[in-house]
Amino acid sequence: MSNLYSFNFIKIDISLFNSVGDVLQFLNSNNIPKKEISPQKLIEAKLFHNVLFFDPITFNLVAYIKKGEKNINFVPELFEMMNGISSQKKDKKPKKLSLDGILDKINTQGIKSLNKNELDFLSNSQ
């Protein structure tokens, strides 16, 4: 019996890299465009994470393993995509924003992933 669904990810164990040069060598040897996955961002992510998982087509971050943990954490957008649910269409209670939570999101998903409420929160936190 075959599987109905198959998901492939690019797994990058960033704990193995010591410099941007190490990351560049890895990306080049695996034909991953550095414009899609920033070597500098991977080195910066080492502060909080050991392993990152990317979609092999879009190069979007889909999951990560935090430092000192073994569990894989999937980004919420992956579940929304798999379920065909748009985050704008979901009826959900507004979540309580925190500076740490927003900084974690920036670290894992990039600053462009922030919504208006999160950007406003950062602007008012000064």
PDB file of N, CA and C in Angstrom:
ATOM      1  N   MET A   1       0.841  -1.180   0.000  1.00  0.00           N
ATOM      2  CA  MET A   1       0.000   0.000   0.000  1.00  0.00           C
ATOM      3  C   MET A   1       0.882   1.238   0.000  1.00  0.00           C
ATOM      4  N   SER A   2       0.589   2.175  -0.857  1.00  0.00           N
ATOM      5  CA  SER A   2       1.413   3.380  -0.943  1.00  0.00           C
ATOM      6  C   SER A   2       0.817   4.500  -0.096  1.00  0.00           C
ATOM      7  N   ASN A   3       1.669   5.448   0.249  1.00  0.00           N
ATOM      8  CA  ASN A   3       1.219   6.617   0.997  1.00  0.00           C
ATOM      9  C   ASN A   3       0.424   7.541   0.091  1.00  0.00           C
ATOM     10  N   LEU A   4      -0.614   8.131   0.629  1.00  0.00           N
ATOM     11  CA  LEU A   4      -1.401   9.079  -0.144  1.00  0.00           C
ATOM     12  C   LEU A   4      -0.672  10.403  -0.295  1.00  0.00           C
ATOM     13  N   TYR A   5       0.074  10.787   0.706  1.00  0.00           N
ATOM     14  CA  TYR A   5       0.755  12.070   0.704  1.00  0.00           C
ATOM     15  C   TYR A   5       2.227  11.869   1.007  1.00  0.00           C
ATOM     16  N   SER A   6       3.028  12.684   0.393  1.00  0.00           N
ATOM     17  CA  SER A   6       4.458  12.644   0.654  1.00  0.00           C
ATOM     18  C   SER A   6       4.952  14.076   0.766  1.00  0.00           C
ATOM     19  N   PHE A   7       5.638  14.381   1.839  1.00  0.00           N
ATOM     20  CA  PHE A   7       6.180  15.713   2.043  1.00  0.00           C
ATOM     21  C   PHE A   7       7.690  15.603   2.162  1.00  0.00           C
ATOM     22  N   ASN A   8       8.387  16.347   1.344  1.00  0.00           N
ATOM     23  CA  ASN A   8       9.836  16.384   1.401  1.00  0.00           C
ATOM     24  C   ASN A   8      10.258  17.768   1.853  1.00  0.00           C
ATOM     25  N   PHE A   9      11.278  17.810   2.700  1.00  0.00           N
ATOM     26  CA  PHE A   9      11.786  19.064   3.213  1.00  0.00           C
ATOM     27  C   PHE A   9      13.294  19.096   3.078  1.00  0.00           C
ATOM     28  N   ILE A  10      13.834  20.291   3.025  1.00  0.00           N
ATOM     29  CA  ILE A  10      15.279  20.469   3.114  1.00  0.00           C
ATOM     30  C   ILE A  10      15.587  20.622   4.602  1.00  0.00           C
ATOM     31  N   LYS A  11      16.381  19.717   5.138  1.00  0.00           N
ATOM     32  CA  LYS A  11      16.765  19.761   6.548  1.00  0.00           C
ATOM     33  C   LYS A  11      18.181  20.318   6.639  1.00  0.00           C
ATOM     34  N   ILE A  12      18.336  21.398   7.389  1.00  0.00           N
ATOM     35  CA  ILE A  12      19.653  21.998   7.558  1.00  0.00           C
ATOM     36  C   ILE A  12      19.989  22.014   9.043  1.00  0.00           C
ATOM     37  N   ASP A  13      21.007  21.249   9.403  1.00  0.00           N
ATOM     38  CA  ASP A  13      21.482  21.202  10.794  1.00  0.00           C
ATOM     39  C   ASP A  13      22.457  22.362  10.970  1.00  0.00           C
ATOM     40  N   ILE A  14      21.928  23.504  11.391  1.00  0.00           N
ATOM     41  CA  ILE A  14      22.743  24.716  11.467  1.00  0.00           C
ATOM     42  C   ILE A  14      23.757  24.673  12.606  1.00  0.00           C
ATOM     43  N   SER A  15      23.607  23.717  13.507  1.00  0.00           N
ATOM     44  CA  SER A  15      24.581  23.603  14.596  1.00  0.00           C
ATOM     45  C   SER A  15      25.958  23.186  14.070  1.00  0.00           C
ATOM     46  N   LEU A  16      26.010  22.665  12.843  1.00  0.00           N
ATOM     47  CA  LEU A  16      27.266  22.215  12.253  1.00  0.00           C
ATOM     48  C   LEU A  16      28.076  23.344  11.617  1.00  0.00           C
ATOM     49  N   PHE A  17      27.463  24.503  11.429  1.00  0.00           N
ATOM     50  CA  PHE A  17      28.133  25.608  10.752  1.00  0.00           C
ATOM     51  C   PHE A  17      28.786  26.553  11.755  1.00  0.00           C
ATOM     52  N   ASN A  18      30.004  26.970  11.434  1.00  0.00           N
ATOM     53  CA  ASN A  18      30.713  27.914  12.294  1.00  0.00           C
ATOM     54  C   ASN A  18      30.824  29.302  11.691  1.00  0.00           C
ATOM     55  N   SER A  19      30.546  29.407  10.389  1.00  0.00           N
ATOM     56  CA  SER A  19      30.691  30.705   9.729  1.00  0.00           C
ATOM     57  C   SER A  19      29.758  30.781   8.529  1.00  0.00           C
ATOM     58  N   VAL A  20      29.622  31.999   8.022  1.00  0.00           N
ATOM     59  CA  VAL A  20      28.837  32.204   6.808  1.00  0.00           C
ATOM     60  C   VAL A  20      29.467  31.425   5.658  1.00  0.00           C
ATOM     61  N   GLY A  21      30.803  31.338   5.651  1.00  0.00           N
ATOM     62  CA  GLY A  21      31.498  30.573   4.612  1.00  0.00           C
ATOM     63  C   GLY A  21      31.096  29.107   4.613  1.00  0.00           C
ATOM     64  N   ASP A  22      30.957  28.522   5.815  1.00  0.00           N
ATOM     65  CA  ASP A  22      30.507  27.129   5.923  1.00  0.00           C
ATOM     66  C   ASP A  22      29.118  26.964   5.312  1.00  0.00           C
ATOM     67  N   VAL A  23      28.233  27.928   5.603  1.00  0.00           N
ATOM     68  CA  VAL A  23      26.861  27.871   5.075  1.00  0.00           C
ATOM     69  C   VAL A  23      26.880  28.008   3.557  1.00  0.00           C
ATOM     70  N   LEU A  24      27.661  28.958   3.050  1.00  0.00           N
ATOM     71  CA  LEU A  24      27.749  29.147   1.598  1.00  0.00           C
ATOM     72  C   LEU A  24      28.228  27.886   0.902  1.00  0.00           C
ATOM     73  N   GLN A  25      29.223  27.232   1.473  1.00  0.00           N
ATOM     74  CA  GLN A  25      29.732  25.987   0.893  1.00  0.00           C
ATOM     75  C   GLN A  25      28.633  24.924   0.865  1.00  0.00           C
ATOM     76  N   PHE A  26      27.868  24.810   1.961  1.00  0.00           N
ATOM     77  CA  PHE A  26      26.764  23.848   2.020  1.00  0.00           C
ATOM     78  C   PHE A  26      25.700  24.170   0.968  1.00  0.00           C
ATOM     79  N   LEU A  27      25.286  25.444   0.909  1.00  0.00           N
ATOM     80  CA  LEU A  27      24.248  25.838  -0.052  1.00  0.00           C
ATOM     81  C   LEU A  27      24.708  25.573  -1.484  1.00  0.00           C
ATOM     82  N   ASN A  28      25.946  25.946  -1.794  1.00  0.00           N
ATOM     83  CA  ASN A  28      26.466  25.733  -3.149  1.00  0.00           C
ATOM     84  C   ASN A  28      26.554  24.249  -3.495  1.00  0.00           C
ATOM     85  N   SER A  29      27.024  23.439  -2.564  1.00  0.00           N
ATOM     86  CA  SER A  29      27.180  22.013  -2.850  1.00  0.00           C
ATOM     87  C   SER A  29      25.846  21.291  -2.983  1.00  0.00           C
ATOM     88  N   ASN A  30      24.781  21.905  -2.484  1.00  0.00           N
ATOM     89  CA  ASN A  30      23.446  21.304  -2.589  1.00  0.00           C
ATOM     90  C   ASN A  30      22.544  22.060  -3.561  1.00  0.00           C
ATOM     91  N   ASN A  31      23.148  22.938  -4.360  1.00  0.00           N
ATOM     92  CA  ASN A  31      22.413  23.713  -5.380  1.00  0.00           C
ATOM     93  C   ASN A  31      21.229  24.480  -4.814  1.00  0.00           C
ATOM     94  N   ILE A  32      21.420  25.056  -3.637  1.00  0.00           N
ATOM     95  CA  ILE A  32      20.381  25.883  -3.016  1.00  0.00           C
ATOM     96  C   ILE A  32      20.782  27.345  -3.220  1.00  0.00           C
ATOM     97  N   PRO A  33      19.954  28.126  -3.919  1.00  0.00           N
ATOM     98  CA  PRO A  33      20.310  29.524  -4.174  1.00  0.00           C
ATOM     99  C   PRO A  33      20.391  30.334  -2.883  1.00  0.00           C
ATOM    100  N   LYS A  34      21.495  31.057  -2.703  1.00  0.00           N
ATOM    101  CA  LYS A  34      21.653  31.838  -1.473  1.00  0.00           C
ATOM    102  C   LYS A  34      20.676  32.998  -1.405  1.00  0.00           C
ATOM    103  N   LYS A  35      20.082  33.373  -2.549  1.00  0.00           N
ATOM    104  CA  LYS A  35      19.060  34.418  -2.499  1.00  0.00           C
ATOM    105  C   LYS A  35      17.774  33.882  -1.854  1.00  0.00           C
ATOM    106  N   GLU A  36      17.607  32.563  -1.853  1.00  0.00           N
ATOM    107  CA  GLU A  36      16.410  31.946  -1.272  1.00  0.00           C
ATOM    108  C   GLU A  36      16.580  31.676   0.224  1.00  0.00           C
ATOM    109  N   ILE A  37      17.759  31.244   0.624  1.00  0.00           N
ATOM    110  CA  ILE A  37      18.047  30.975   2.035  1.00  0.00           C
ATOM    111  C   ILE A  37      19.313  31.747   2.387  1.00  0.00           C
ATOM    112  N   SER A  38      19.173  32.763   3.203  1.00  0.00           N
ATOM    113  CA  SER A  38      20.277  33.652   3.535  1.00  0.00           C
ATOM    114  C   SER A  38      21.292  32.972   4.457  1.00  0.00           C
ATOM    115  N   PRO A  39      22.547  32.900   4.038  1.00  0.00           N
ATOM    116  CA  PRO A  39      23.581  32.321   4.912  1.00  0.00           C
ATOM    117  C   PRO A  39      23.709  33.066   6.238  1.00  0.00           C
ATOM    118  N   GLN A  40      23.628  34.390   6.192  1.00  0.00           N
ATOM    119  CA  GLN A  40      23.743  35.188   7.423  1.00  0.00           C
ATOM    120  C   GLN A  40      22.593  34.882   8.380  1.00  0.00           C
ATOM    121  N   LYS A  41      21.380  34.748   7.835  1.00  0.00           N
ATOM    122  CA  LYS A  41      20.216  34.444   8.683  1.00  0.00           C
ATOM    123  C   LYS A  41      20.348  33.057   9.319  1.00  0.00           C
ATOM    124  N   LEU A  42      20.919  32.108   8.590  1.00  0.00           N
ATOM    125  CA  LEU A  42      21.124  30.773   9.169  1.00  0.00           C
ATOM    126  C   LEU A  42      22.092  30.831  10.341  1.00  0.00           C
ATOM    127  N   ILE A  43      23.157  31.600  10.210  1.00  0.00           N
ATOM    128  CA  ILE A  43      24.115  31.748  11.315  1.00  0.00           C
ATOM    129  C   ILE A  43      23.440  32.443  12.498  1.00  0.00           C
ATOM    130  N   GLU A  44      22.634  33.469  12.237  1.00  0.00           N
ATOM    131  CA  GLU A  44      21.916  34.170  13.312  1.00  0.00           C
ATOM    132  C   GLU A  44      20.921  33.243  14.000  1.00  0.00           C
ATOM    133  N   ALA A  45      20.312  32.336  13.246  1.00  0.00           N
ATOM    134  CA  ALA A  45      19.322  31.410  13.804  1.00  0.00           C
ATOM    135  C   ALA A  45      19.949  30.426  14.785  1.00  0.00           C
ATOM    136  N   LYS A  46      21.273  30.247  14.717  1.00  0.00           N
ATOM    137  CA  LYS A  46      21.969  29.330  15.630  1.00  0.00           C
ATOM    138  C   LYS A  46      21.797  29.737  17.095  1.00  0.00           C
ATOM    139  N   LEU A  47      21.474  31.004  17.335  1.00  0.00           N
ATOM    140  CA  LEU A  47      21.279  31.456  18.713  1.00  0.00           C
ATOM    141  C   LEU A  47      20.111  30.738  19.383  1.00  0.00           C
ATOM    142  N   PHE A  48      19.108  30.353  18.597  1.00  0.00           N
ATOM    143  CA  PHE A  48      17.879  29.792  19.145  1.00  0.00           C
ATOM    144  C   PHE A  48      17.541  28.390  18.650  1.00  0.00           C
ATOM    145  N   HIS A  49      18.153  27.960  17.541  1.00  0.00           N
ATOM    146  CA  HIS A  49      17.751  26.710  16.901  1.00  0.00           C
ATOM    147  C   HIS A  49      18.947  25.841  16.535  1.00  0.00           C
ATOM    148  N   ASN A  50      18.699  24.535  16.429  1.00  0.00           N
ATOM    149  CA  ASN A  50      19.712  23.598  15.960  1.00  0.00           C
ATOM    150  C   ASN A  50      19.461  23.145  14.529  1.00  0.00           C
ATOM    151  N   VAL A  51      18.187  22.935  14.186  1.00  0.00           N
ATOM    152  CA  VAL A  51      17.837  22.402  12.870  1.00  0.00           C
ATOM    153  C   VAL A  51      16.671  23.212  12.306  1.00  0.00           C
ATOM    154  N   LEU A  52      16.754  23.508  11.000  1.00  0.00           N
ATOM    155  CA  LEU A  52      15.682  24.194  10.294  1.00  0.00           C
ATOM    156  C   LEU A  52      15.244  23.332   9.114  1.00  0.00           C
ATOM    157  N   PHE A  53      13.948  23.348   8.823  1.00  0.00           N
ATOM    158  CA  PHE A  53      13.381  22.595   7.710  1.00  0.00           C
ATOM    159  C   PHE A  53      12.728  23.581   6.744  1.00  0.00           C
ATOM    160  N   PHE A  54      13.055  23.457   5.450  1.00  0.00           N
ATOM    161  CA  PHE A  54      12.529  24.358   4.437  1.00  0.00           C
ATOM    162  C   PHE A  54      11.777  23.579   3.372  1.00  0.00           C
ATOM    163  N   ASP A  55      10.772  24.245   2.769  1.00  0.00           N
ATOM    164  CA  ASP A  55      10.083  23.693   1.619  1.00  0.00           C
ATOM    165  C   ASP A  55      11.068  23.706   0.449  1.00  0.00           C
ATOM    166  N   PRO A  56      11.241  22.589  -0.269  1.00  0.00           N
ATOM    167  CA  PRO A  56      12.235  22.541  -1.339  1.00  0.00           C
ATOM    168  C   PRO A  56      11.853  23.322  -2.598  1.00  0.00           C
ATOM    169  N   ILE A  57      10.607  23.742  -2.690  1.00  0.00           N
ATOM    170  CA  ILE A  57      10.175  24.497  -3.873  1.00  0.00           C
ATOM    171  C   ILE A  57      10.176  25.998  -3.584  1.00  0.00           C
ATOM    172  N   THR A  58       9.562  26.401  -2.479  1.00  0.00           N
ATOM    173  CA  THR A  58       9.460  27.822  -2.155  1.00  0.00           C
ATOM    174  C   THR A  58      10.599  28.305  -1.262  1.00  0.00           C
ATOM    175  N   PHE A  59      11.292  27.376  -0.612  1.00  0.00           N
ATOM    176  CA  PHE A  59      12.352  27.666   0.357  1.00  0.00           C
ATOM    177  C   PHE A  59      11.831  28.415   1.583  1.00  0.00           C
ATOM    178  N   ASN A  60      10.517  28.327   1.826  1.00  0.00           N
ATOM    179  CA  ASN A  60       9.944  28.897   3.046  1.00  0.00           C
ATOM    180  C   ASN A  60      10.256  27.984   4.219  1.00  0.00           C
ATOM    181  N   LEU A  61      10.486  28.582   5.376  1.00  0.00           N
ATOM    182  CA  LEU A  61      10.697  27.803   6.589  1.00  0.00           C
ATOM    183  C   LEU A  61       9.392  27.102   6.952  1.00  0.00           C
ATOM    184  N   VAL A  62       9.451  25.788   7.203  1.00  0.00           N
ATOM    185  CA  VAL A  62       8.240  25.041   7.553  1.00  0.00           C
ATOM    186  C   VAL A  62       8.307  24.457   8.962  1.00  0.00           C
ATOM    187  N   ALA A  63       9.530  24.268   9.485  1.00  0.00           N
ATOM    188  CA  ALA A  63       9.651  23.690  10.827  1.00  0.00           C
ATOM    189  C   ALA A  63      11.057  23.963  11.366  1.00  0.00           C
ATOM    190  N   TYR A  64      11.209  23.749  12.674  1.00  0.00           N
ATOM    191  CA  TYR A  64      12.494  23.978  13.311  1.00  0.00           C
ATOM    192  C   TYR A  64      12.589  23.152  14.585  1.00  0.00           C
ATOM    193  N   ILE A  65      13.811  22.946  15.037  1.00  0.00           N
ATOM    194  CA  ILE A  65      14.069  22.321  16.337  1.00  0.00           C
ATOM    195  C   ILE A  65      14.839  23.343  17.149  1.00  0.00           C
ATOM    196  N   LYS A  66      14.272  23.718  18.288  1.00  0.00           N
ATOM    197  CA  LYS A  66      14.917  24.706  19.147  1.00  0.00           C
ATOM    198  C   LYS A  66      16.143  24.107  19.823  1.00  0.00           C
ATOM    199  N   LYS A  67      17.075  24.971  20.181  1.00  0.00           N
ATOM    200  CA  LYS A  67      18.269  24.532  20.907  1.00  0.00           C
ATOM    201  C   LYS A  67      17.857  23.838  22.192  1.00  0.00           C
ATOM    202  N   GLY A  68      18.492  22.713  22.486  1.00  0.00           N
ATOM    203  CA  GLY A  68      18.227  21.987  23.716  1.00  0.00           C
ATOM    204  C   GLY A  68      16.964  21.149  23.688  1.00  0.00           C
ATOM    205  N   GLU A  69      16.270  21.118  22.568  1.00  0.00           N
ATOM    206  CA  GLU A  69      15.039  20.334  22.444  1.00  0.00           C
ATOM    207  C   GLU A  69      15.203  19.290  21.346  1.00  0.00           C
ATOM    208  N   LYS A  70      14.301  18.328  21.342  1.00  0.00           N
ATOM    209  CA  LYS A  70      14.323  17.285  20.308  1.00  0.00           C
ATOM    210  C   LYS A  70      13.089  17.328  19.425  1.00  0.00           C
ATOM    211  N   ASN A  71      12.037  18.008  19.885  1.00  0.00           N
ATOM    212  CA  ASN A  71      10.775  18.037  19.148  1.00  0.00           C
ATOM    213  C   ASN A  71      10.845  18.978  17.959  1.00  0.00           C
ATOM    214  N   ILE A  72      10.211  18.561  16.871  1.00  0.00           N
ATOM    215  CA  ILE A  72      10.089  19.415  15.698  1.00  0.00           C
ATOM    216  C   ILE A  72       8.875  20.311  15.887  1.00  0.00           C
ATOM    217  N   ASN A  73       9.064  21.608  15.697  1.00  0.00           N
ATOM    218  CA  ASN A  73       7.994  22.596  15.795  1.00  0.00           C
ATOM    219  C   ASN A  73       7.664  23.074  14.386  1.00  0.00           C
ATOM    220  N   PHE A  74       6.419  22.895  13.976  1.00  0.00           N
ATOM    221  CA  PHE A  74       6.003  23.336  12.652  1.00  0.00           C
ATOM    222  C   PHE A  74       5.460  24.751  12.734  1.00  0.00           C
ATOM    223  N   VAL A  75       5.751  25.558  11.710  1.00  0.00           N
ATOM    224  CA  VAL A  75       5.226  26.917  11.682  1.00  0.00           C
ATOM    225  C   VAL A  75       3.728  26.837  11.380  1.00  0.00           C
ATOM    226  N   PRO A  76       2.934  27.695  11.991  1.00  0.00           N
ATOM    227  CA  PRO A  76       1.471  27.621  11.829  1.00  0.00           C
ATOM    228  C   PRO A  76       1.012  27.698  10.375  1.00  0.00           C
ATOM    229  N   GLU A  77       1.718  28.451   9.552  1.00  0.00           N
ATOM    230  CA  GLU A  77       1.321  28.593   8.149  1.00  0.00           C
ATOM    231  C   GLU A  77       1.325  27.259   7.420  1.00  0.00           C
ATOM    232  N   LEU A  78       2.168  26.334   7.830  1.00  0.00           N
ATOM    233  CA  LEU A  78       2.203  25.015   7.183  1.00  0.00           C
ATOM    234  C   LEU A  78       0.883  24.285   7.399  1.00  0.00           C
ATOM    235  N   PHE A  79       0.369  24.316   8.624  1.00  0.00           N
ATOM    236  CA  PHE A  79      -0.904  23.658   8.899  1.00  0.00           C
ATOM    237  C   PHE A  79      -2.039  24.323   8.134  1.00  0.00           C
ATOM    238  N   GLU A  80      -1.996  25.649   8.056  1.00  0.00           N
ATOM    239  CA  GLU A  80      -3.028  26.368   7.320  1.00  0.00           C
ATOM    240  C   GLU A  80      -2.998  25.987   5.841  1.00  0.00           C
ATOM    241  N   MET A  81      -1.785  25.882   5.282  1.00  0.00           N
ATOM    242  CA  MET A  81      -1.653  25.510   3.884  1.00  0.00           C
ATOM    243  C   MET A  81      -2.171  24.089   3.666  1.00  0.00           C
ATOM    244  N   MET A  82      -1.798  23.177   4.563  1.00  0.00           N
ATOM    245  CA  MET A  82      -2.200  21.781   4.410  1.00  0.00           C
ATOM    246  C   MET A  82      -3.706  21.619   4.557  1.00  0.00           C
ATOM    247  N   ASN A  83      -4.317  22.443   5.372  1.00  0.00           N
ATOM    248  CA  ASN A  83      -5.759  22.365   5.588  1.00  0.00           C
ATOM    249  C   ASN A  83      -6.535  23.254   4.632  1.00  0.00           C
ATOM    250  N   GLY A  84      -5.831  24.045   3.830  1.00  0.00           N
ATOM    251  CA  GLY A  84      -6.509  24.945   2.905  1.00  0.00           C
ATOM    252  C   GLY A  84      -7.222  26.070   3.601  1.00  0.00           C
ATOM    253  N   ILE A  85      -6.737  26.449   4.779  1.00  0.00           N
ATOM    254  CA  ILE A  85      -7.389  27.500   5.557  1.00  0.00           C
ATOM    255  C   ILE A  85      -6.523  28.743   5.534  1.00  0.00           C
ATOM    256  N   SER A  86      -7.081  29.830   5.120  1.00  0.00           N
ATOM    257  CA  SER A  86      -6.368  31.099   5.128  1.00  0.00           C
ATOM    258  C   SER A  86      -6.420  31.692   6.526  1.00  0.00           C
ATOM    259  N   SER A  87      -5.315  32.239   6.980  1.00  0.00           N
ATOM    260  CA  SER A  87      -5.294  32.823   8.325  1.00  0.00           C
ATOM    261  C   SER A  87      -6.252  34.007   8.430  1.00  0.00           C
ATOM    262  N   GLN A  88      -6.557  34.670   7.300  1.00  0.00           N
ATOM    263  CA  GLN A  88      -7.501  35.780   7.344  1.00  0.00           C
ATOM    264  C   GLN A  88      -8.935  35.291   7.504  1.00  0.00           C
ATOM    265  N   LYS A  89      -9.236  34.080   7.044  1.00  0.00           N
ATOM    266  CA  LYS A  89     -10.596  33.566   7.095  1.00  0.00           C
ATOM    267  C   LYS A  89     -10.920  32.864   8.403  1.00  0.00           C
ATOM    268  N   LYS A  90      -9.904  32.512   9.146  1.00  0.00           N
ATOM    269  CA  LYS A  90     -10.149  31.792  10.391  1.00  0.00           C
ATOM    270  C   LYS A  90     -10.721  32.731  11.453  1.00  0.00           C
ATOM    271  N   ASP A  91     -11.742  32.261  12.149  1.00  0.00           N
ATOM    272  CA  ASP A  91     -12.253  32.998  13.294  1.00  0.00           C
ATOM    273  C   ASP A  91     -11.452  32.571  14.501  1.00  0.00           C
ATOM    274  N   LYS A  92     -10.663  33.488  15.017  1.00  0.00           N
ATOM    275  CA  LYS A  92      -9.857  33.146  16.177  1.00  0.00           C
ATOM    276  C   LYS A  92      -9.800  34.339  17.118  1.00  0.00           C
ATOM    277  N   LYS A  93      -9.580  34.019  18.373  1.00  0.00           N
ATOM    278  CA  LYS A  93      -9.448  35.062  19.368  1.00  0.00           C
ATOM    279  C   LYS A  93      -8.109  35.757  19.170  1.00  0.00           C
ATOM    280  N   PRO A  94      -8.066  37.069  19.372  1.00  0.00           N
ATOM    281  CA  PRO A  94      -6.784  37.740  19.239  1.00  0.00           C
ATOM    282  C   PRO A  94      -5.811  37.226  20.307  1.00  0.00           C
ATOM    283  N   LYS A  95      -4.599  36.935  19.872  1.00  0.00           N
ATOM    284  CA  LYS A  95      -3.639  36.422  20.835  1.00  0.00           C
ATOM    285  C   LYS A  95      -2.912  37.571  21.506  1.00  0.00           C
ATOM    286  N   LYS A  96      -2.474  37.308  22.726  1.00  0.00           N
ATOM    287  CA  LYS A  96      -1.740  38.309  23.481  1.00  0.00           C
ATOM    288  C   LYS A  96      -0.331  38.406  22.898  1.00  0.00           C
ATOM    289  N   LEU A  97       0.059  39.611  22.540  1.00  0.00           N
ATOM    290  CA  LEU A  97       1.365  39.813  21.928  1.00  0.00           C
ATOM    291  C   LEU A  97       2.428  40.027  22.997  1.00  0.00           C
ATOM    292  N   SER A  98       3.618  39.499  22.726  1.00  0.00           N
ATOM    293  CA  SER A  98       4.757  39.735  23.612  1.00  0.00           C
ATOM    294  C   SER A  98       5.983  40.013  22.758  1.00  0.00           C
ATOM    295  N   LEU A  99       6.899  40.795  23.291  1.00  0.00           N
ATOM    296  CA  LEU A  99       8.112  41.129  22.564  1.00  0.00           C
ATOM    297  C   LEU A  99       8.903  39.863  22.254  1.00  0.00           C
ATOM    298  N   ASP A 100       9.019  38.947  23.226  1.00  0.00           N
ATOM    299  CA  ASP A 100       9.755  37.701  22.999  1.00  0.00           C
ATOM    300  C   ASP A 100       9.115  36.871  21.890  1.00  0.00           C
ATOM    301  N   GLY A 101       7.800  36.793  21.894  1.00  0.00           N
ATOM    302  CA  GLY A 101       7.095  36.027  20.874  1.00  0.00           C
ATOM    303  C   GLY A 101       7.312  36.605  19.484  1.00  0.00           C
ATOM    304  N   ILE A 102       7.277  37.926  19.386  1.00  0.00           N
ATOM    305  CA  ILE A 102       7.477  38.574  18.093  1.00  0.00           C
ATOM    306  C   ILE A 102       8.917  38.383  17.622  1.00  0.00           C
ATOM    307  N   LEU A 103       9.874  38.499  18.531  1.00  0.00           N
ATOM    308  CA  LEU A 103      11.281  38.299  18.158  1.00  0.00           C
ATOM    309  C   LEU A 103      11.535  36.858  17.725  1.00  0.00           C
ATOM    310  N   ASP A 104      10.893  35.895  18.389  1.00  0.00           N
ATOM    311  CA  ASP A 104      11.010  34.494  17.961  1.00  0.00           C
ATOM    312  C   ASP A 104      10.463  34.315  16.551  1.00  0.00           C
ATOM    313  N   LYS A 105       9.332  34.959  16.274  1.00  0.00           N
ATOM    314  CA  LYS A 105       8.724  34.848  14.947  1.00  0.00           C
ATOM    315  C   LYS A 105       9.645  35.457  13.884  1.00  0.00           C
ATOM    316  N   ILE A 106      10.243  36.609  14.194  1.00  0.00           N
ATOM    317  CA  ILE A 106      11.179  37.235  13.257  1.00  0.00           C
ATOM    318  C   ILE A 106      12.350  36.298  12.997  1.00  0.00           C
ATOM    319  N   ASN A 107      12.839  35.675  14.071  1.00  0.00           N
ATOM    320  CA  ASN A 107      13.997  34.781  13.937  1.00  0.00           C
ATOM    321  C   ASN A 107      13.694  33.561  13.078  1.00  0.00           C
ATOM    322  N   THR A 108      12.504  33.000  13.229  1.00  0.00           N
ATOM    323  CA  THR A 108      12.181  31.774  12.496  1.00  0.00           C
ATOM    324  C   THR A 108      11.576  32.034  11.120  1.00  0.00           C
ATOM    325  N   GLN A 109      10.811  33.136  10.978  1.00  0.00           N
ATOM    326  CA  GLN A 109      10.072  33.336   9.733  1.00  0.00           C
ATOM    327  C   GLN A 109      10.445  34.609   8.989  1.00  0.00           C
ATOM    328  N   GLY A 110      11.233  35.468   9.612  1.00  0.00           N
ATOM    329  CA  GLY A 110      11.631  36.724   8.969  1.00  0.00           C
ATOM    330  C   GLY A 110      10.694  37.856   9.316  1.00  0.00           C
ATOM    331  N   ILE A 111      11.203  39.070   9.195  1.00  0.00           N
ATOM    332  CA  ILE A 111      10.430  40.259   9.584  1.00  0.00           C
ATOM    333  C   ILE A 111       9.212  40.465   8.690  1.00  0.00           C
ATOM    334  N   LYS A 112       9.278  39.985   7.440  1.00  0.00           N
ATOM    335  CA  LYS A 112       8.145  40.151   6.515  1.00  0.00           C
ATOM    336  C   LYS A 112       6.943  39.316   6.930  1.00  0.00           C
ATOM    337  N   SER A 113       7.136  38.383   7.875  1.00  0.00           N
ATOM    338  CA  SER A 113       6.029  37.530   8.309  1.00  0.00           C
ATOM    339  C   SER A 113       5.134  38.221   9.345  1.00  0.00           C
ATOM    340  N   LEU A 114       5.580  39.371   9.860  1.00  0.00           N
ATOM    341  CA  LEU A 114       4.797  40.056  10.890  1.00  0.00           C
ATOM    342  C   LEU A 114       3.533  40.665  10.309  1.00  0.00           C
ATOM    343  N   ASN A 115       2.451  40.562  11.084  1.00  0.00           N
ATOM    344  CA  ASN A 115       1.200  41.193  10.661  1.00  0.00           C
ATOM    345  C   ASN A 115       1.139  42.620  11.221  1.00  0.00           C
ATOM    346  N   LYS A 116       0.096  43.343  10.856  1.00  0.00           N
ATOM    347  CA  LYS A 116      -0.025  44.747  11.258  1.00  0.00           C
ATOM    348  C   LYS A 116      -0.027  44.908  12.775  1.00  0.00           C
ATOM    349  N   ASN A 117      -0.754  44.038  13.485  1.00  0.00           N
ATOM    350  CA  ASN A 117      -0.810  44.142  14.947  1.00  0.00           C
ATOM    351  C   ASN A 117       0.565  43.973  15.577  1.00  0.00           C
ATOM    352  N   GLU A 118       1.348  43.035  15.044  1.00  0.00           N
ATOM    353  CA  GLU A 118       2.692  42.797  15.587  1.00  0.00           C
ATOM    354  C   GLU A 118       3.616  43.976  15.292  1.00  0.00           C
ATOM    355  N   LEU A 119       3.508  44.539  14.089  1.00  0.00           N
ATOM    356  CA  LEU A 119       4.319  45.704  13.753  1.00  0.00           C
ATOM    357  C   LEU A 119       3.949  46.903  14.631  1.00  0.00           C
ATOM    358  N   ASP A 120       2.647  47.107  14.845  1.00  0.00           N
ATOM    359  CA  ASP A 120       2.198  48.188  15.725  1.00  0.00           C
ATOM    360  C   ASP A 120       2.706  47.982  17.145  1.00  0.00           C
ATOM    361  N   PHE A 121       2.664  46.746  17.628  1.00  0.00           N
ATOM    362  CA  PHE A 121       3.151  46.431  18.966  1.00  0.00           C
ATOM    363  C   PHE A 121       4.637  46.796  19.095  1.00  0.00           C
ATOM    364  N   LEU A 122       5.430  46.438  18.069  1.00  0.00           N
ATOM    365  CA  LEU A 122       6.853  46.776  18.104  1.00  0.00           C
ATOM    366  C   LEU A 122       7.076  48.281  18.090  1.00  0.00           C
ATOM    367  N   SER A 123       6.283  49.009  17.294  1.00  0.00           N
ATOM    368  CA  SER A 123       6.415  50.458  17.223  1.00  0.00           C
ATOM    369  C   SER A 123       6.103  51.116  18.560  1.00  0.00           C
ATOM    370  N   ASN A 124       5.155  50.559  19.282  1.00  0.00           N
ATOM    371  CA  ASN A 124       4.745  51.140  20.565  1.00  0.00           C
ATOM    372  C   ASN A 124       5.564  50.647  21.744  1.00  0.00           C
ATOM    373  N   SER A 125       6.471  49.706  21.522  1.00  0.00           N
ATOM    374  CA  SER A 125       7.269  49.124  22.609  1.00  0.00           C
ATOM    375  C   SER A 125       8.495  49.967  22.946  1.00  0.00           C
ATOM    376  N   GLN A 126       8.739  50.995  22.199  1.00  0.00           N
ATOM    377  CA  GLN A 126       9.970  51.771  22.402  1.00  0.00           C
ATOM    378  C   GLN A 126       9.872  52.691  23.582  1.00  0.00           C
TER     379      GLN A 126
END
